[in-house]
Amino acid sequence: MTAGTTTKTTAEHELAALQREHGRPLFALLLRLSDGDRQRAEDLVQETLVRAWQHPEALRADDFDSVRPWLLTVGRRLAIDARRARQARPPEVGDAVLESARVCADHAERSAATLDVREAVKTLTPEHREVLVLVYFQGASVAEAAAALGIPPGTVKSRAYYALRALRRVLPGYAADLR
């Protein structure tokens, strides 16, 4: 660098000297502020040095004897900002949780399937529809459906069987779901 020029960034050798002289105390502080997370502390050290690189005027000020207080203050503020950012978003989950998560069908697919089933149920005879609605949609037992409709339990079973069979013909893409 010539005598008449000023630089807006810190030279590499100056940053290396900063790292050698102040890196350990800075890392120790940031490790405590990161609850012992070494990776996070190392990232914060690097970010602090980036800030030093971006603000060489702060490092060359004649107002203080050492740049360590400035570095520690910048590092501390970065650690506080990082902690606040982590607290503002939901916690991250590991891969094991994602792998065991149940995959839900797409909402649009479920809606389309619901419409298909409603239309198919309309094609059934009223007797078959009554049994199907009671047993499969309202969860009634065969005995409860028989009592509600005033028919024998065997008739409920028979109507449910033939109703499902008719639905399988009308909804061939859903045949596996109707068993």
N, C-alpha and C. Protein backbone atom coordinates (compact mmCIF):
# COMPACT_ATOMS: atom_id res chain seq x y z
N MET A 1 0.85 -1.17 0.00
CA MET A 1 0.00 0.00 0.00
C MET A 1 0.90 1.23 0.00
N THR A 2 0.57 2.19 -0.85
CA THR A 2 1.38 3.41 -0.94
C THR A 2 0.95 4.40 0.11
N ALA A 3 1.77 5.42 0.32
CA ALA A 3 1.55 6.37 1.40
C ALA A 3 0.27 7.16 1.24
N GLY A 4 -0.16 7.49 0.05
CA GLY A 4 -1.32 8.36 -0.12
C GLY A 4 -2.63 7.62 -0.24
N THR A 5 -2.66 6.29 -0.19
CA THR A 5 -3.91 5.57 -0.37
C THR A 5 -4.42 5.06 0.96
N THR A 6 -5.73 4.95 1.06
CA THR A 6 -6.36 4.37 2.25
C THR A 6 -7.09 3.12 1.81
N THR A 7 -7.16 2.18 2.68
CA THR A 7 -7.84 0.93 2.34
C THR A 7 -9.14 0.83 3.12
N LYS A 8 -10.16 0.21 2.50
CA LYS A 8 -11.46 0.06 3.15
C LYS A 8 -11.61 -1.30 3.80
N THR A 9 -10.66 -2.18 3.57
CA THR A 9 -10.71 -3.50 4.20
C THR A 9 -9.40 -3.79 4.89
N THR A 10 -9.44 -4.72 5.80
CA THR A 10 -8.25 -5.12 6.54
C THR A 10 -7.49 -6.15 5.73
N ALA A 11 -6.19 -6.00 5.67
CA ALA A 11 -5.37 -6.93 4.91
C ALA A 11 -5.39 -8.30 5.58
N GLU A 12 -5.12 -9.33 4.78
CA GLU A 12 -5.14 -10.71 5.28
C GLU A 12 -4.17 -10.92 6.43
N HIS A 13 -3.00 -10.35 6.31
CA HIS A 13 -2.02 -10.56 7.38
C HIS A 13 -2.47 -9.90 8.69
N GLU A 14 -3.21 -8.79 8.60
CA GLU A 14 -3.74 -8.16 9.81
C GLU A 14 -4.80 -9.04 10.46
N LEU A 15 -5.66 -9.66 9.64
CA LEU A 15 -6.67 -10.55 10.18
C LEU A 15 -6.04 -11.79 10.81
N ALA A 16 -5.01 -12.30 10.17
CA ALA A 16 -4.31 -13.46 10.73
C ALA A 16 -3.70 -13.10 12.09
N ALA A 17 -3.15 -11.90 12.20
CA ALA A 17 -2.57 -11.45 13.47
C ALA A 17 -3.67 -11.30 14.52
N LEU A 18 -4.82 -10.76 14.12
CA LEU A 18 -5.95 -10.64 15.05
C LEU A 18 -6.37 -12.02 15.56
N GLN A 19 -6.44 -12.97 14.65
CA GLN A 19 -6.83 -14.33 15.02
C GLN A 19 -5.84 -14.94 16.00
N ARG A 20 -4.56 -14.77 15.72
CA ARG A 20 -3.53 -15.34 16.61
C ARG A 20 -3.57 -14.68 17.99
N GLU A 21 -3.72 -13.37 18.02
CA GLU A 21 -3.63 -12.64 19.28
C GLU A 21 -4.92 -12.72 20.10
N HIS A 22 -6.07 -12.67 19.44
CA HIS A 22 -7.34 -12.55 20.17
C HIS A 22 -8.30 -13.71 19.94
N GLY A 23 -7.92 -14.66 19.11
CA GLY A 23 -8.83 -15.75 18.75
C GLY A 23 -9.24 -16.63 19.92
N ARG A 24 -8.29 -17.01 20.77
CA ARG A 24 -8.62 -17.91 21.90
C ARG A 24 -9.57 -17.26 22.91
N PRO A 25 -9.31 -16.03 23.36
CA PRO A 25 -10.25 -15.42 24.31
C PRO A 25 -11.63 -15.19 23.67
N LEU A 26 -11.63 -14.82 22.39
CA LEU A 26 -12.90 -14.60 21.69
C LEU A 26 -13.67 -15.91 21.60
N PHE A 27 -12.99 -16.99 21.22
CA PHE A 27 -13.63 -18.30 21.13
C PHE A 27 -14.16 -18.75 22.49
N ALA A 28 -13.38 -18.53 23.56
CA ALA A 28 -13.81 -18.93 24.90
C ALA A 28 -15.10 -18.22 25.30
N LEU A 29 -15.17 -16.92 25.03
CA LEU A 29 -16.38 -16.16 25.34
C LEU A 29 -17.57 -16.68 24.54
N LEU A 30 -17.37 -16.86 23.24
CA LEU A 30 -18.46 -17.28 22.38
C LEU A 30 -18.89 -18.72 22.65
N LEU A 31 -17.98 -19.54 23.11
CA LEU A 31 -18.32 -20.91 23.48
C LEU A 31 -19.27 -20.90 24.69
N ARG A 32 -18.97 -20.04 25.66
CA ARG A 32 -19.86 -19.91 26.83
C ARG A 32 -21.22 -19.38 26.40
N LEU A 33 -21.23 -18.37 25.53
CA LEU A 33 -22.49 -17.78 25.09
C LEU A 33 -23.29 -18.71 24.18
N SER A 34 -22.62 -19.72 23.62
CA SER A 34 -23.28 -20.70 22.73
C SER A 34 -23.62 -21.99 23.46
N ASP A 35 -23.59 -21.96 24.79
CA ASP A 35 -23.91 -23.13 25.61
C ASP A 35 -23.06 -24.34 25.25
N GLY A 36 -21.77 -24.10 24.99
CA GLY A 36 -20.85 -25.19 24.72
C GLY A 36 -20.88 -25.74 23.30
N ASP A 37 -21.63 -25.13 22.41
CA ASP A 37 -21.71 -25.60 21.02
C ASP A 37 -20.49 -25.07 20.26
N ARG A 38 -19.51 -25.94 20.07
CA ARG A 38 -18.24 -25.54 19.45
C ARG A 38 -18.44 -25.03 18.03
N GLN A 39 -19.26 -25.70 17.26
CA GLN A 39 -19.48 -25.29 15.87
C GLN A 39 -20.07 -23.88 15.80
N ARG A 40 -21.06 -23.64 16.64
CA ARG A 40 -21.69 -22.32 16.65
C ARG A 40 -20.68 -21.25 17.09
N ALA A 41 -19.86 -21.57 18.09
CA ALA A 41 -18.84 -20.63 18.57
C ALA A 41 -17.82 -20.33 17.47
N GLU A 42 -17.40 -21.37 16.75
CA GLU A 42 -16.45 -21.15 15.65
C GLU A 42 -17.07 -20.29 14.56
N ASP A 43 -18.33 -20.53 14.26
CA ASP A 43 -19.02 -19.70 13.26
C ASP A 43 -19.08 -18.24 13.71
N LEU A 44 -19.34 -18.03 14.99
CA LEU A 44 -19.42 -16.66 15.52
C LEU A 44 -18.04 -15.99 15.51
N VAL A 45 -16.98 -16.73 15.78
CA VAL A 45 -15.62 -16.17 15.69
C VAL A 45 -15.38 -15.71 14.26
N GLN A 46 -15.71 -16.57 13.30
CA GLN A 46 -15.51 -16.21 11.90
C GLN A 46 -16.32 -14.98 11.51
N GLU A 47 -17.56 -14.92 11.97
CA GLU A 47 -18.40 -13.76 11.67
C GLU A 47 -17.84 -12.50 12.31
N THR A 48 -17.29 -12.62 13.51
CA THR A 48 -16.66 -11.47 14.17
C THR A 48 -15.46 -10.98 13.36
N LEU A 49 -14.66 -11.92 12.86
CA LEU A 49 -13.51 -11.53 12.04
C LEU A 49 -13.94 -10.92 10.71
N VAL A 50 -15.05 -11.38 10.18
CA VAL A 50 -15.59 -10.75 8.96
C VAL A 50 -15.96 -9.30 9.25
N ARG A 51 -16.58 -9.08 10.40
CA ARG A 51 -16.93 -7.70 10.78
C ARG A 51 -15.67 -6.85 10.94
N ALA A 52 -14.64 -7.43 11.51
CA ALA A 52 -13.37 -6.70 11.66
C ALA A 52 -12.80 -6.37 10.28
N TRP A 53 -12.89 -7.31 9.37
CA TRP A 53 -12.42 -7.10 7.99
C TRP A 53 -13.21 -5.98 7.32
N GLN A 54 -14.54 -5.92 7.61
CA GLN A 54 -15.39 -4.90 7.00
C GLN A 54 -15.22 -3.53 7.64
N HIS A 55 -14.70 -3.47 8.86
CA HIS A 55 -14.57 -2.19 9.58
C HIS A 55 -13.14 -1.98 10.06
N PRO A 56 -12.20 -1.79 9.16
CA PRO A 56 -10.80 -1.61 9.58
C PRO A 56 -10.60 -0.33 10.38
N GLU A 57 -11.48 0.64 10.18
CA GLU A 57 -11.34 1.90 10.92
C GLU A 57 -11.49 1.68 12.42
N ALA A 58 -12.33 0.73 12.81
CA ALA A 58 -12.51 0.44 14.24
C ALA A 58 -11.26 -0.21 14.82
N LEU A 59 -10.57 -0.98 14.01
CA LEU A 59 -9.38 -1.68 14.49
C LEU A 59 -8.16 -0.78 14.57
N ARG A 60 -8.19 0.31 13.83
CA ARG A 60 -7.03 1.20 13.79
C ARG A 60 -7.26 2.49 14.58
N ALA A 61 -8.32 2.55 15.32
CA ALA A 61 -8.61 3.77 16.08
C ALA A 61 -7.58 3.96 17.18
N ASP A 62 -7.25 5.18 17.43
CA ASP A 62 -6.26 5.49 18.46
C ASP A 62 -6.90 5.68 19.83
N ASP A 63 -8.22 5.51 19.90
CA ASP A 63 -8.94 5.74 21.16
C ASP A 63 -8.72 4.65 22.20
N PHE A 64 -8.23 3.50 21.80
CA PHE A 64 -8.03 2.43 22.78
C PHE A 64 -6.73 1.68 22.48
N ASP A 65 -6.23 1.05 23.55
CA ASP A 65 -4.93 0.38 23.46
C ASP A 65 -5.02 -0.97 22.73
N SER A 66 -6.16 -1.67 22.89
CA SER A 66 -6.30 -3.00 22.31
C SER A 66 -7.62 -3.10 21.56
N VAL A 67 -7.64 -3.92 20.53
CA VAL A 67 -8.88 -4.14 19.78
C VAL A 67 -9.72 -5.24 20.42
N ARG A 68 -9.17 -5.91 21.43
CA ARG A 68 -9.89 -7.03 22.05
C ARG A 68 -11.27 -6.62 22.58
N PRO A 69 -11.43 -5.50 23.29
CA PRO A 69 -12.78 -5.14 23.75
C PRO A 69 -13.76 -4.98 22.58
N TRP A 70 -13.28 -4.40 21.47
CA TRP A 70 -14.16 -4.22 20.31
C TRP A 70 -14.55 -5.59 19.75
N LEU A 71 -13.59 -6.50 19.62
CA LEU A 71 -13.88 -7.83 19.10
C LEU A 71 -14.84 -8.60 20.02
N LEU A 72 -14.60 -8.52 21.33
CA LEU A 72 -15.47 -9.22 22.27
C LEU A 72 -16.88 -8.65 22.25
N THR A 73 -17.00 -7.34 22.12
CA THR A 73 -18.32 -6.72 22.06
C THR A 73 -19.06 -7.14 20.79
N VAL A 74 -18.37 -7.11 19.66
CA VAL A 74 -18.99 -7.53 18.40
C VAL A 74 -19.39 -9.00 18.48
N GLY A 75 -18.51 -9.85 18.97
CA GLY A 75 -18.81 -11.27 19.11
C GLY A 75 -19.99 -11.52 20.02
N ARG A 76 -20.01 -10.82 21.17
CA ARG A 76 -21.13 -10.96 22.12
C ARG A 76 -22.45 -10.56 21.47
N ARG A 77 -22.46 -9.46 20.74
CA ARG A 77 -23.69 -9.01 20.07
C ARG A 77 -24.14 -10.00 19.00
N LEU A 78 -23.17 -10.56 18.27
CA LEU A 78 -23.51 -11.57 17.27
C LEU A 78 -24.11 -12.81 17.93
N ALA A 79 -23.55 -13.22 19.07
CA ALA A 79 -24.07 -14.38 19.79
C ALA A 79 -25.49 -14.12 20.29
N ILE A 80 -25.74 -12.93 20.78
CA ILE A 80 -27.08 -12.57 21.25
C ILE A 80 -28.06 -12.59 20.08
N ASP A 81 -27.66 -12.00 18.96
CA ASP A 81 -28.53 -12.00 17.77
C ASP A 81 -28.83 -13.42 17.29
N ALA A 82 -27.82 -14.28 17.31
CA ALA A 82 -28.00 -15.67 16.87
C ALA A 82 -28.96 -16.40 17.80
N ARG A 83 -28.82 -16.19 19.11
CA ARG A 83 -29.72 -16.83 20.07
C ARG A 83 -31.15 -16.35 19.87
N ARG A 84 -31.33 -15.06 19.68
CA ARG A 84 -32.68 -14.53 19.44
C ARG A 84 -33.28 -15.10 18.15
N ALA A 85 -32.47 -15.23 17.12
CA ALA A 85 -32.95 -15.78 15.86
C ALA A 85 -33.39 -17.24 16.04
N ARG A 86 -32.63 -18.02 16.81
CA ARG A 86 -33.00 -19.42 17.06
C ARG A 86 -34.29 -19.51 17.87
N GLN A 87 -34.46 -18.61 18.82
CA GLN A 87 -35.66 -18.65 19.65
C GLN A 87 -36.90 -18.18 18.89
N ALA A 88 -36.71 -17.39 17.85
CA ALA A 88 -37.83 -16.85 17.09
C ALA A 88 -38.41 -17.86 16.10
N ARG A 89 -37.68 -18.93 15.81
CA ARG A 89 -38.18 -19.92 14.86
C ARG A 89 -38.38 -21.24 15.58
N PRO A 90 -39.21 -22.11 15.01
CA PRO A 90 -39.43 -23.41 15.67
C PRO A 90 -38.15 -24.23 15.70
N PRO A 91 -38.03 -25.10 16.68
CA PRO A 91 -36.80 -25.91 16.78
C PRO A 91 -36.67 -26.85 15.59
N GLU A 92 -35.43 -27.11 15.22
CA GLU A 92 -35.16 -28.02 14.11
C GLU A 92 -35.33 -29.45 14.60
N VAL A 93 -35.73 -30.33 13.70
CA VAL A 93 -35.88 -31.74 14.05
C VAL A 93 -34.83 -32.55 13.30
N GLY A 94 -34.47 -33.65 13.89
CA GLY A 94 -33.46 -34.50 13.27
C GLY A 94 -34.05 -35.35 12.15
N ASP A 95 -33.18 -36.03 11.43
CA ASP A 95 -33.60 -36.87 10.33
C ASP A 95 -34.47 -38.04 10.79
N ALA A 96 -34.20 -38.55 11.98
CA ALA A 96 -34.97 -39.70 12.48
C ALA A 96 -36.44 -39.33 12.63
N VAL A 97 -36.71 -38.12 13.09
CA VAL A 97 -38.09 -37.68 13.26
C VAL A 97 -38.77 -37.56 11.91
N LEU A 98 -38.05 -37.02 10.92
CA LEU A 98 -38.63 -36.86 9.60
C LEU A 98 -38.91 -38.20 8.94
N GLU A 99 -38.02 -39.17 9.14
CA GLU A 99 -38.21 -40.48 8.52
C GLU A 99 -39.38 -41.22 9.12
N SER A 100 -39.66 -41.00 10.41
CA SER A 100 -40.75 -41.72 11.04
C SER A 100 -42.07 -40.95 10.96
N ALA A 101 -42.05 -39.75 10.42
CA ALA A 101 -43.28 -38.97 10.31
C ALA A 101 -44.23 -39.62 9.31
N ARG A 102 -45.50 -39.63 9.65
CA ARG A 102 -46.49 -40.22 8.76
C ARG A 102 -46.75 -39.27 7.60
N VAL A 103 -46.77 -39.78 6.41
CA VAL A 103 -47.02 -38.96 5.24
C VAL A 103 -48.52 -38.89 5.02
N CYS A 104 -49.05 -37.70 5.03
CA CYS A 104 -50.47 -37.51 4.82
C CYS A 104 -50.74 -37.27 3.35
N ALA A 105 -51.90 -37.72 2.91
CA ALA A 105 -52.28 -37.49 1.52
C ALA A 105 -52.49 -36.00 1.29
N ASP A 106 -52.28 -35.61 0.12
CA ASP A 106 -52.48 -34.22 -0.25
C ASP A 106 -53.93 -33.83 -0.02
N HIS A 107 -54.16 -32.63 0.45
CA HIS A 107 -55.52 -32.16 0.74
C HIS A 107 -56.39 -32.20 -0.50
N ALA A 108 -55.85 -31.82 -1.63
CA ALA A 108 -56.63 -31.83 -2.88
C ALA A 108 -57.05 -33.26 -3.24
N GLU A 109 -56.14 -34.22 -3.04
CA GLU A 109 -56.47 -35.62 -3.33
C GLU A 109 -57.57 -36.12 -2.41
N ARG A 110 -57.48 -35.77 -1.13
CA ARG A 110 -58.52 -36.19 -0.17
C ARG A 110 -59.86 -35.58 -0.54
N SER A 111 -59.86 -34.31 -0.93
CA SER A 111 -61.10 -33.65 -1.30
C SER A 111 -61.71 -34.29 -2.54
N ALA A 112 -60.89 -34.60 -3.52
CA ALA A 112 -61.39 -35.25 -4.74
C ALA A 112 -61.94 -36.63 -4.43
N ALA A 113 -61.25 -37.38 -3.56
CA ALA A 113 -61.72 -38.71 -3.19
C ALA A 113 -63.05 -38.62 -2.45
N THR A 114 -63.21 -37.64 -1.59
CA THR A 114 -64.47 -37.45 -0.87
C THR A 114 -65.61 -37.19 -1.84
N LEU A 115 -65.37 -36.35 -2.81
CA LEU A 115 -66.41 -36.06 -3.81
C LEU A 115 -66.75 -37.31 -4.62
N ASP A 116 -65.73 -38.08 -4.99
CA ASP A 116 -65.96 -39.32 -5.75
C ASP A 116 -66.82 -40.29 -4.95
N VAL A 117 -66.49 -40.46 -3.67
CA VAL A 117 -67.24 -41.40 -2.83
C VAL A 117 -68.67 -40.92 -2.64
N ARG A 118 -68.87 -39.62 -2.44
CA ARG A 118 -70.24 -39.09 -2.28
C ARG A 118 -71.09 -39.38 -3.52
N GLU A 119 -70.51 -39.14 -4.68
CA GLU A 119 -71.25 -39.40 -5.92
C GLU A 119 -71.54 -40.89 -6.07
N ALA A 120 -70.59 -41.74 -5.72
CA ALA A 120 -70.78 -43.18 -5.82
C ALA A 120 -71.86 -43.67 -4.86
N VAL A 121 -71.88 -43.13 -3.66
CA VAL A 121 -72.88 -43.54 -2.67
C VAL A 121 -74.28 -43.17 -3.15
N LYS A 122 -74.41 -42.07 -3.89
CA LYS A 122 -75.72 -41.66 -4.43
C LYS A 122 -76.28 -42.68 -5.42
N THR A 123 -75.40 -43.49 -6.03
CA THR A 123 -75.86 -44.48 -7.01
C THR A 123 -76.44 -45.73 -6.35
N LEU A 124 -76.23 -45.90 -5.05
CA LEU A 124 -76.73 -47.09 -4.34
C LEU A 124 -78.23 -46.98 -4.11
N THR A 125 -78.84 -48.14 -3.88
CA THR A 125 -80.26 -48.14 -3.51
C THR A 125 -80.39 -47.51 -2.13
N PRO A 126 -81.54 -46.96 -1.79
CA PRO A 126 -81.71 -46.35 -0.47
C PRO A 126 -81.42 -47.32 0.69
N GLU A 127 -81.78 -48.59 0.54
CA GLU A 127 -81.55 -49.57 1.59
C GLU A 127 -80.04 -49.81 1.80
N HIS A 128 -79.33 -49.96 0.69
CA HIS A 128 -77.88 -50.16 0.80
C HIS A 128 -77.20 -48.91 1.37
N ARG A 129 -77.66 -47.75 0.93
CA ARG A 129 -77.07 -46.48 1.39
C ARG A 129 -77.27 -46.32 2.90
N GLU A 130 -78.45 -46.63 3.41
CA GLU A 130 -78.72 -46.51 4.85
C GLU A 130 -77.75 -47.36 5.67
N VAL A 131 -77.58 -48.61 5.26
CA VAL A 131 -76.69 -49.52 5.99
C VAL A 131 -75.25 -49.02 5.91
N LEU A 132 -74.82 -48.62 4.72
CA LEU A 132 -73.45 -48.15 4.54
C LEU A 132 -73.16 -46.93 5.40
N VAL A 133 -74.09 -46.00 5.41
CA VAL A 133 -73.90 -44.78 6.20
C VAL A 133 -73.82 -45.12 7.69
N LEU A 134 -74.72 -45.95 8.16
CA LEU A 134 -74.72 -46.30 9.58
C LEU A 134 -73.45 -47.06 9.99
N VAL A 135 -73.11 -48.08 9.23
CA VAL A 135 -72.00 -48.96 9.63
C VAL A 135 -70.64 -48.34 9.35
N TYR A 136 -70.43 -47.80 8.14
CA TYR A 136 -69.10 -47.35 7.76
C TYR A 136 -68.84 -45.87 8.02
N PHE A 137 -69.85 -45.03 7.90
CA PHE A 137 -69.61 -43.59 8.09
C PHE A 137 -69.90 -43.13 9.51
N GLN A 138 -70.88 -43.77 10.17
CA GLN A 138 -71.21 -43.37 11.54
C GLN A 138 -70.64 -44.34 12.58
N GLY A 139 -70.07 -45.44 12.13
CA GLY A 139 -69.39 -46.36 13.03
C GLY A 139 -70.29 -47.24 13.88
N ALA A 140 -71.54 -47.44 13.46
CA ALA A 140 -72.46 -48.29 14.23
C ALA A 140 -72.08 -49.76 14.04
N SER A 141 -72.34 -50.54 15.05
CA SER A 141 -72.11 -51.98 14.93
C SER A 141 -73.26 -52.58 14.12
N VAL A 142 -73.10 -53.84 13.73
CA VAL A 142 -74.16 -54.51 12.97
C VAL A 142 -75.44 -54.55 13.81
N ALA A 143 -75.30 -54.86 15.10
CA ALA A 143 -76.47 -54.94 15.98
C ALA A 143 -77.14 -53.57 16.12
N GLU A 144 -76.34 -52.51 16.26
CA GLU A 144 -76.90 -51.15 16.38
C GLU A 144 -77.60 -50.73 15.10
N ALA A 145 -77.02 -51.05 13.96
CA ALA A 145 -77.64 -50.70 12.68
C ALA A 145 -78.94 -51.48 12.50
N ALA A 146 -78.91 -52.75 12.89
CA ALA A 146 -80.12 -53.57 12.77
C ALA A 146 -81.24 -53.00 13.63
N ALA A 147 -80.92 -52.61 14.85
CA ALA A 147 -81.92 -52.03 15.75
C ALA A 147 -82.44 -50.71 15.20
N ALA A 148 -81.55 -49.87 14.67
CA ALA A 148 -81.96 -48.55 14.16
C ALA A 148 -82.85 -48.69 12.93
N LEU A 149 -82.57 -49.67 12.08
CA LEU A 149 -83.33 -49.83 10.84
C LEU A 149 -84.51 -50.78 11.00
N GLY A 150 -84.54 -51.52 12.11
CA GLY A 150 -85.64 -52.48 12.35
C GLY A 150 -85.56 -53.69 11.44
N ILE A 151 -84.34 -54.13 11.14
CA ILE A 151 -84.13 -55.30 10.29
C ILE A 151 -83.19 -56.27 11.01
N PRO A 152 -83.17 -57.53 10.60
CA PRO A 152 -82.29 -58.51 11.25
C PRO A 152 -80.81 -58.20 10.98
N PRO A 153 -79.91 -58.57 11.90
CA PRO A 153 -78.47 -58.34 11.70
C PRO A 153 -77.93 -58.99 10.42
N GLY A 154 -78.43 -60.14 10.06
CA GLY A 154 -77.99 -60.81 8.83
C GLY A 154 -78.28 -59.95 7.61
N THR A 155 -79.41 -59.25 7.62
CA THR A 155 -79.77 -58.38 6.50
C THR A 155 -78.83 -57.18 6.44
N VAL A 156 -78.43 -56.69 7.59
CA VAL A 156 -77.47 -55.57 7.64
C VAL A 156 -76.16 -56.02 7.00
N LYS A 157 -75.69 -57.22 7.37
CA LYS A 157 -74.44 -57.73 6.81
C LYS A 157 -74.55 -57.91 5.30
N SER A 158 -75.66 -58.46 4.87
CA SER A 158 -75.86 -58.70 3.45
C SER A 158 -75.90 -57.39 2.66
N ARG A 159 -76.64 -56.42 3.16
CA ARG A 159 -76.73 -55.12 2.47
C ARG A 159 -75.38 -54.41 2.46
N ALA A 160 -74.63 -54.50 3.54
CA ALA A 160 -73.31 -53.87 3.58
C ALA A 160 -72.39 -54.52 2.55
N TYR A 161 -72.45 -55.85 2.44
CA TYR A 161 -71.62 -56.57 1.48
C TYR A 161 -71.95 -56.12 0.06
N TYR A 162 -73.23 -56.12 -0.29
CA TYR A 162 -73.62 -55.76 -1.66
C TYR A 162 -73.41 -54.27 -1.94
N ALA A 163 -73.51 -53.43 -0.91
CA ALA A 163 -73.25 -51.98 -1.09
C ALA A 163 -71.78 -51.76 -1.42
N LEU A 164 -70.89 -52.44 -0.68
CA LEU A 164 -69.46 -52.30 -0.96
C LEU A 164 -69.10 -52.86 -2.33
N ARG A 165 -69.74 -53.96 -2.69
CA ARG A 165 -69.48 -54.55 -4.00
C ARG A 165 -69.91 -53.60 -5.11
N ALA A 166 -71.04 -52.92 -4.93
CA ALA A 166 -71.50 -51.95 -5.93
C ALA A 166 -70.55 -50.75 -5.99
N LEU A 167 -70.03 -50.32 -4.85
CA LEU A 167 -69.08 -49.21 -4.83
C LEU A 167 -67.78 -49.59 -5.53
N ARG A 168 -67.32 -50.82 -5.37
CA ARG A 168 -66.10 -51.27 -6.06
C ARG A 168 -66.25 -51.17 -7.57
N ARG A 169 -67.46 -51.46 -8.06
CA ARG A 169 -67.68 -51.35 -9.51
C ARG A 169 -67.69 -49.91 -9.95
N VAL A 170 -68.25 -49.01 -9.14
CA VAL A 170 -68.36 -47.60 -9.50
C VAL A 170 -67.03 -46.87 -9.29
N LEU A 171 -66.26 -47.31 -8.30
CA LEU A 171 -64.97 -46.67 -7.96
C LEU A 171 -63.83 -47.66 -8.14
N PRO A 172 -63.48 -48.02 -9.35
CA PRO A 172 -62.44 -49.05 -9.53
C PRO A 172 -61.06 -48.62 -9.00
N GLY A 173 -60.74 -47.35 -8.98
CA GLY A 173 -59.45 -46.89 -8.47
C GLY A 173 -59.34 -46.98 -6.96
N TYR A 174 -60.46 -47.17 -6.28
CA TYR A 174 -60.47 -47.22 -4.83
C TYR A 174 -60.74 -48.64 -4.32
N ALA A 175 -60.67 -49.63 -5.16
CA ALA A 175 -61.06 -51.00 -4.79
C ALA A 175 -60.30 -51.51 -3.57
N ALA A 176 -59.02 -51.19 -3.46
CA ALA A 176 -58.22 -51.67 -2.31
C ALA A 176 -58.70 -51.02 -1.02
N ASP A 177 -59.20 -49.78 -1.10
CA ASP A 177 -59.65 -49.07 0.11
C ASP A 177 -61.02 -49.56 0.59
N LEU A 178 -61.75 -50.30 -0.25
CA LEU A 178 -63.11 -50.70 0.09
C LEU A 178 -63.16 -52.15 0.57
N ARG A 179 -62.11 -52.63 1.19
CA ARG A 179 -62.10 -54.00 1.68
C ARG A 179 -62.24 -54.04 3.16
